Amino acid sequence: MTEYLIGTGGWAYFNASDKPSIKAYARLFNFVEVNYTFYNHPSHRMVENWRRVAPKNFTFTVRCNQDLTHRIGLRAVDEAYEIFDRMLGICRILEAPVLHLETPRSYVLDKASLAEARQFFSTINPKGVRLAWELRNLMTKEVRNLMQDFGIIHSVDLSREGPAWDSDMIYTRLFGKGKHNRYQFIDEEIVEIDQRIAKLQAKKIIASFHGLRMNTDALRFKQYRESGIFSNVTPFTGADSARSVLSEDAKFPSAKDELIEDQGWKVFDLTANKRVHLSELLSRIPERTYKSLDEVINTFEGRA
């Protein structure tokens, strides 16, 4: 039976009370990808508290600190080993099965850096922790061979592409098809992700959502996996649903193209059973500057 771990990149944006709480987050999700470790080196006391507060059956994964992946690179030097061992220590405290490595687009794996990376991976001992590598650059045959030789999981955004090879574990960080993390998934895109996962036939799926609506997207994917149905994103449908989404932070006056740029990535309930991006609504209104939300909605209703 395939195990699904569904959650988000960190719990800092999960505000169920006065301040973010991993305890509240864990009531809804069974997994979190720790983003804090990418930017900081937390104390063991802090990490031990994370593990103590979370339920016993809750799973953490850890993002490797950017000092290794972005500043030093995957090289066999003392500082790289020190950071890697520090990250493994955090994994052990959290009982995390995966340490995630993300290298930037500027990290080019040419012949020399490939040799350095091979030397680095051949001289470390992950001690039972799996490595997942998100290569934000061109995947080549040589890089694929390197990852396969060391049993490294190819981490990809399954809404955009599939991994370079089949593995017993899938690690996907889901940003969507927008700019940066400005995106929200519609039902059909979530189904497509799930179908892509099914074709890969892995034993363990780790799905970490990272868009601006990551909590909602992760919950909707989790519900779909459990029930086969999708929840609505608002209590309304049609123009009323669009109004409720736009009213969150749309600024006026705004031109049509500005509204599409700022708001079009969001999702609203066109009907009780269909979610679409706001760009579909906004593309139907005339080219002009709109002075208010009412003007946008009234124009749309007049053309619907």
Protein backbone atom coordinates (compact mmCIF):
# COMPACT_ATOMS: atom_id res chain seq x y z
CA MET A 1 0.00 0.00 0.00
CA THR A 2 1.32 3.42 -0.96
CA GLU A 3 1.94 5.85 1.89
CA TYR A 4 1.02 9.49 1.28
CA LEU A 5 2.57 12.32 3.29
CA ILE A 6 0.81 15.57 2.40
CA GLY A 7 1.66 18.96 3.84
CA THR A 8 3.37 22.27 3.20
CA GLY A 9 6.72 23.98 3.32
CA GLY A 10 6.75 24.98 6.98
CA TRP A 11 3.99 25.79 9.43
CA ALA A 12 4.84 29.49 9.85
CA TYR A 13 1.92 30.56 7.62
CA PHE A 14 -0.60 28.27 9.29
CA ASN A 15 -2.34 30.71 11.62
CA ALA A 16 -5.03 28.76 13.43
CA SER A 17 -4.58 30.85 16.59
CA ASP A 18 -2.70 33.95 17.74
CA LYS A 19 0.60 32.58 16.42
CA PRO A 20 1.71 29.73 14.16
CA SER A 21 1.59 26.40 15.94
CA ILE A 22 2.91 23.06 14.76
CA LYS A 23 0.46 21.43 17.15
CA ALA A 24 -2.50 23.08 15.37
CA TYR A 25 -0.96 22.37 11.96
CA ALA A 26 -0.58 18.67 12.81
CA ARG A 27 -4.31 18.35 13.45
CA LEU A 28 -4.81 18.66 9.69
CA PHE A 29 -1.60 17.34 8.14
CA ASN A 30 0.64 14.32 8.75
CA PHE A 31 3.82 15.90 7.39
CA VAL A 32 5.78 19.16 7.16
CA GLU A 33 8.90 20.17 5.28
CA VAL A 34 11.04 22.23 7.66
CA ASN A 35 12.00 25.42 5.83
CA TYR A 36 13.60 27.06 8.85
CA THR A 37 16.74 24.94 8.46
CA PHE A 38 17.35 26.30 4.95
CA TYR A 39 17.82 29.84 6.26
CA ASN A 40 19.03 29.22 9.84
CA HIS A 41 20.93 26.78 12.02
CA PRO A 42 18.45 26.01 14.85
CA SER A 43 19.65 24.86 18.25
CA HIS A 44 19.08 21.26 19.26
CA ARG A 45 16.79 22.56 21.99
CA MET A 46 14.55 24.24 19.42
CA VAL A 47 14.47 21.14 17.23
CA GLU A 48 13.75 18.87 20.19
CA ASN A 49 10.78 21.09 21.04
CA TRP A 50 9.40 20.69 17.50
CA ARG A 51 9.56 16.93 17.85
CA ARG A 52 8.08 16.95 21.34
CA VAL A 53 5.11 19.13 20.41
CA ALA A 54 4.20 17.21 17.24
CA PRO A 55 2.32 13.88 17.42
CA LYS A 56 4.42 10.70 17.43
CA ASN A 57 3.14 9.63 14.00
CA PHE A 58 3.83 13.05 12.46
CA THR A 59 6.63 13.17 9.85
CA PHE A 60 9.20 15.91 9.35
CA THR A 61 11.57 16.32 6.45
CA VAL A 62 14.46 18.78 6.59
CA ARG A 63 15.71 21.29 4.01
CA CYS A 64 19.49 21.41 3.97
CA ASN A 65 20.93 24.80 4.89
CA GLN A 66 21.73 27.07 1.96
CA ASP A 67 25.29 27.51 3.23
CA LEU A 68 26.00 24.09 1.74
CA THR A 69 23.84 24.13 -1.37
CA HIS A 70 24.17 27.79 -2.40
CA ARG A 71 27.42 29.13 -0.89
CA ILE A 72 29.84 26.20 -0.69
CA GLY A 73 28.35 23.82 -3.22
CA LEU A 74 28.50 20.06 -3.04
CA ARG A 75 32.25 19.88 -2.48
CA ALA A 76 34.39 17.65 -0.29
CA VAL A 77 35.63 20.39 2.06
CA ASP A 78 35.56 20.55 5.85
CA GLU A 79 32.83 23.20 6.11
CA ALA A 80 30.54 21.22 3.78
CA TYR A 81 30.94 18.11 5.96
CA GLU A 82 30.29 20.14 9.12
CA ILE A 83 27.03 21.57 7.76
CA PHE A 84 25.93 18.21 6.41
CA ASP A 85 26.56 16.52 9.77
CA ARG A 86 24.63 19.32 11.50
CA MET A 87 21.69 18.71 9.18
CA LEU A 88 21.85 14.96 9.84
CA GLY A 89 21.76 15.69 13.56
CA ILE A 90 18.53 17.64 13.06
CA CYS A 91 17.10 14.77 10.99
CA ARG A 92 17.90 12.32 13.79
CA ILE A 93 16.19 14.45 16.42
CA LEU A 94 13.10 14.88 14.25
CA GLU A 95 13.22 11.25 13.03
CA ALA A 96 13.09 12.74 9.54
CA PRO A 97 13.38 10.17 6.73
CA VAL A 98 14.58 12.70 4.12
CA LEU A 99 17.11 15.54 3.91
CA HIS A 100 16.23 17.77 0.97
CA LEU A 101 18.96 19.47 -1.08
CA GLU A 102 18.04 22.35 -3.37
CA THR A 103 20.77 23.75 -5.59
CA PRO A 104 20.20 27.08 -7.38
CA ARG A 105 20.09 27.76 -11.11
CA SER A 106 23.54 29.32 -10.82
CA TYR A 107 24.94 25.94 -9.73
CA VAL A 108 26.14 24.48 -13.04
CA LEU A 109 27.24 20.87 -13.01
CA ASP A 110 30.07 20.84 -15.49
CA LYS A 111 32.79 18.20 -15.59
CA ALA A 112 34.70 19.69 -12.65
CA SER A 113 31.70 20.29 -10.35
CA LEU A 114 30.31 16.84 -11.19
CA ALA A 115 33.57 15.31 -10.03
CA GLU A 116 33.42 17.40 -6.83
CA ALA A 117 29.82 16.35 -6.16
CA ARG A 118 30.67 12.69 -6.77
CA GLN A 119 33.55 12.95 -4.31
CA PHE A 120 31.29 14.64 -1.74
CA PHE A 121 28.53 12.03 -1.96
CA SER A 122 31.04 9.17 -1.90
CA THR A 123 32.57 10.41 1.37
CA ILE A 124 29.43 11.10 3.43
CA ASN A 125 27.31 8.70 5.45
CA PRO A 126 23.62 9.72 5.57
CA LYS A 127 23.06 7.05 8.26
CA GLY A 128 19.68 5.89 7.03
CA VAL A 129 18.42 9.32 5.95
CA ARG A 130 17.42 9.49 2.27
CA LEU A 131 18.65 12.41 0.20
CA ALA A 132 16.32 14.23 -2.20
CA TRP A 133 17.89 16.66 -4.65
CA GLU A 134 16.04 19.48 -6.41
CA LEU A 135 18.31 20.49 -9.26
CA ARG A 136 17.20 23.90 -10.50
CA ASN A 137 19.21 23.50 -13.65
CA LEU A 138 19.45 21.22 -16.65
CA MET A 139 19.18 17.51 -15.92
CA THR A 140 21.82 15.66 -17.92
CA LYS A 141 22.66 11.99 -18.31
CA GLU A 142 25.76 12.50 -16.16
CA VAL A 143 23.79 14.12 -13.33
CA ARG A 144 21.14 11.41 -13.52
CA ASN A 145 23.81 8.73 -13.27
CA LEU A 146 25.34 10.51 -10.27
CA MET A 147 22.01 10.60 -8.42
CA GLN A 148 21.19 7.00 -9.26
CA ASP A 149 24.64 5.80 -8.18
CA PHE A 150 24.06 7.20 -4.70
CA GLY A 151 20.33 6.43 -4.43
CA ILE A 152 19.36 10.11 -4.39
CA ILE A 153 15.69 10.93 -5.04
CA HIS A 154 15.09 13.36 -7.91
CA SER A 155 12.85 16.03 -6.35
CA VAL A 156 10.62 17.81 -8.88
CA ASP A 157 7.43 19.85 -9.07
CA LEU A 158 5.01 17.23 -10.40
CA SER A 159 2.66 19.94 -11.63
CA ARG A 160 5.38 20.81 -14.16
CA GLU A 161 7.45 17.69 -14.82
CA GLY A 162 8.18 14.14 -13.77
CA PRO A 163 11.36 12.77 -12.17
CA ALA A 164 14.21 11.68 -14.43
CA TRP A 165 13.84 8.05 -13.28
CA ASP A 166 11.52 5.82 -11.27
CA SER A 167 12.16 5.47 -7.55
CA ASP A 168 10.51 3.77 -4.58
CA MET A 169 9.94 7.25 -3.11
CA ILE A 170 8.57 10.43 -4.68
CA TYR A 171 9.46 13.82 -3.25
CA THR A 172 7.56 16.64 -4.91
CA ARG A 173 7.60 20.33 -3.99
CA LEU A 174 4.52 21.85 -5.61
CA PHE A 175 4.66 25.50 -6.67
CA GLY A 176 2.36 25.35 -9.71
CA LYS A 177 2.57 27.13 -13.04
CA GLY A 178 2.60 30.74 -11.92
CA LYS A 179 5.40 33.20 -11.26
CA HIS A 180 7.46 32.23 -8.24
CA ASN A 181 4.96 30.91 -5.68
CA ARG A 182 1.96 32.98 -6.84
CA TYR A 183 -0.35 30.14 -7.74
CA GLN A 184 -3.38 28.15 -6.65
CA PHE A 185 -4.35 24.76 -8.07
CA ILE A 186 -7.71 24.02 -9.67
CA ASP A 187 -9.31 20.58 -9.33
CA GLU A 188 -8.13 19.29 -12.71
CA GLU A 189 -4.50 20.13 -11.89
CA ILE A 190 -4.67 18.26 -8.60
CA VAL A 191 -6.15 15.24 -10.38
CA GLU A 192 -3.36 15.44 -12.95
CA ILE A 193 -0.73 15.45 -10.17
CA ASP A 194 -2.36 12.43 -8.56
CA GLN A 195 -2.50 10.57 -11.87
CA ARG A 196 1.17 11.30 -12.49
CA ILE A 197 1.98 9.93 -9.03
CA ALA A 198 -0.04 6.76 -9.71
CA LYS A 199 1.89 6.07 -12.92
CA LEU A 200 5.20 6.23 -11.04
CA GLN A 201 4.13 3.38 -8.71
CA ALA A 202 6.25 4.50 -5.76
CA LYS A 203 5.80 3.11 -2.26
CA LYS A 204 6.01 6.47 -0.49
CA ILE A 205 4.77 9.87 -1.68
CA ILE A 206 5.91 13.10 -0.03
CA ALA A 207 3.95 16.08 -1.38
CA SER A 208 4.95 19.51 -0.08
CA PHE A 209 2.86 22.47 -1.30
CA HIS A 210 4.56 25.86 -1.55
CA GLY A 211 2.25 28.34 -3.27
CA LEU A 212 0.63 31.35 -1.63
CA ARG A 213 -2.45 29.15 -1.08
CA MET A 214 -0.39 26.15 0.05
CA ASN A 215 -2.50 25.32 3.11
CA THR A 216 -5.73 25.32 1.09
CA ASP A 217 -4.15 23.41 -1.79
CA ALA A 218 -2.67 20.76 0.51
CA LEU A 219 -5.97 20.30 2.32
CA ARG A 220 -7.87 19.95 -0.95
CA PHE A 221 -5.39 17.38 -2.23
CA LYS A 222 -5.61 15.48 1.06
CA GLN A 223 -9.43 15.52 0.93
CA TYR A 224 -9.40 14.35 -2.69
CA ARG A 225 -7.09 11.46 -1.78
CA GLU A 226 -9.38 10.46 1.10
CA SER A 227 -12.80 10.96 -0.47
CA GLY A 228 -12.43 11.48 -4.21
CA ILE A 229 -14.20 14.84 -4.01
CA PHE A 230 -13.09 18.45 -3.79
CA SER A 231 -14.16 21.05 -1.28
CA ASN A 232 -15.18 24.53 -2.39
CA VAL A 233 -12.73 27.38 -1.89
CA THR A 234 -15.45 29.88 -0.87
CA PRO A 235 -18.97 29.62 0.56
CA PHE A 236 -20.34 31.08 -2.70
CA THR A 237 -20.47 30.38 -6.44
CA GLY A 238 -20.17 32.45 -9.59
CA ALA A 239 -19.78 36.21 -9.30
CA ASP A 240 -20.30 36.10 -5.53
CA SER A 241 -17.39 33.68 -5.17
CA ALA A 242 -15.20 35.87 -7.38
CA ARG A 243 -16.17 38.91 -5.32
CA SER A 244 -15.17 37.22 -2.07
CA VAL A 245 -11.74 36.29 -3.46
CA LEU A 246 -11.07 39.68 -5.05
CA SER A 247 -12.18 41.51 -1.91
CA GLU A 248 -9.23 40.06 0.02
CA ASP A 249 -6.59 42.38 -1.41
CA ALA A 250 -7.51 43.70 -4.88
CA LYS A 251 -6.55 47.37 -5.22
CA PHE A 252 -8.46 50.01 -7.17
CA PRO A 253 -8.27 51.77 -9.48
CA SER A 254 -6.70 48.96 -11.55
CA ALA A 255 -6.45 48.25 -15.25
CA LYS A 256 -7.61 44.91 -16.58
CA ASP A 257 -4.07 43.64 -17.18
CA GLU A 258 -3.07 44.67 -13.65
CA LEU A 259 -5.99 42.71 -12.19
CA ILE A 260 -5.05 39.64 -14.21
CA GLU A 261 -1.42 39.93 -13.10
CA ASP A 262 -2.22 40.45 -9.40
CA GLN A 263 -5.36 38.34 -9.00
CA GLY A 264 -5.65 35.95 -11.95
CA TRP A 265 -3.67 33.12 -10.28
CA LYS A 266 -6.33 32.75 -7.55
CA VAL A 267 -9.16 30.21 -7.72
CA PHE A 268 -12.89 30.78 -7.25
CA ASP A 269 -15.97 28.55 -7.42
CA LEU A 270 -17.52 29.03 -10.83
CA THR A 271 -20.18 26.47 -9.85
CA ALA A 272 -20.62 24.13 -6.89
CA ASN A 273 -18.58 21.51 -8.75
CA LYS A 274 -16.09 23.55 -10.75
CA ARG A 275 -13.18 25.75 -9.70
CA VAL A 276 -11.40 28.05 -12.19
CA HIS A 277 -8.72 30.71 -12.02
CA LEU A 278 -9.83 34.31 -11.72
CA SER A 279 -7.97 35.00 -14.95
CA GLU A 280 -10.83 33.24 -16.78
CA LEU A 281 -13.30 35.76 -15.38
CA LEU A 282 -11.05 38.79 -15.75
CA SER A 283 -10.16 37.96 -19.35
CA ARG A 284 -13.82 38.44 -20.30
CA ILE A 285 -14.14 42.04 -19.14
CA PRO A 286 -13.27 44.98 -21.44
CA GLU A 287 -9.85 46.65 -21.50
CA ARG A 288 -10.07 49.68 -19.23
CA THR A 289 -9.28 50.93 -15.76
CA TYR A 290 -11.76 49.81 -13.10
CA LYS A 291 -12.48 52.10 -10.19
CA SER A 292 -13.99 49.54 -7.80
CA LEU A 293 -14.69 45.88 -7.15
CA ASP A 294 -18.38 46.48 -7.81
CA GLU A 295 -17.53 47.79 -11.27
CA VAL A 296 -15.57 44.63 -12.09
CA ILE A 297 -18.29 42.29 -10.86
CA ASN A 298 -21.13 44.23 -12.48
CA THR A 299 -19.25 44.25 -15.79
CA PHE A 300 -18.66 40.50 -15.57
CA GLU A 301 -22.31 39.79 -14.70
CA GLY A 302 -23.40 41.90 -17.64
CA ARG A 303 -21.31 39.74 -19.96
CA ALA A 304 -21.96 36.33 -18.36
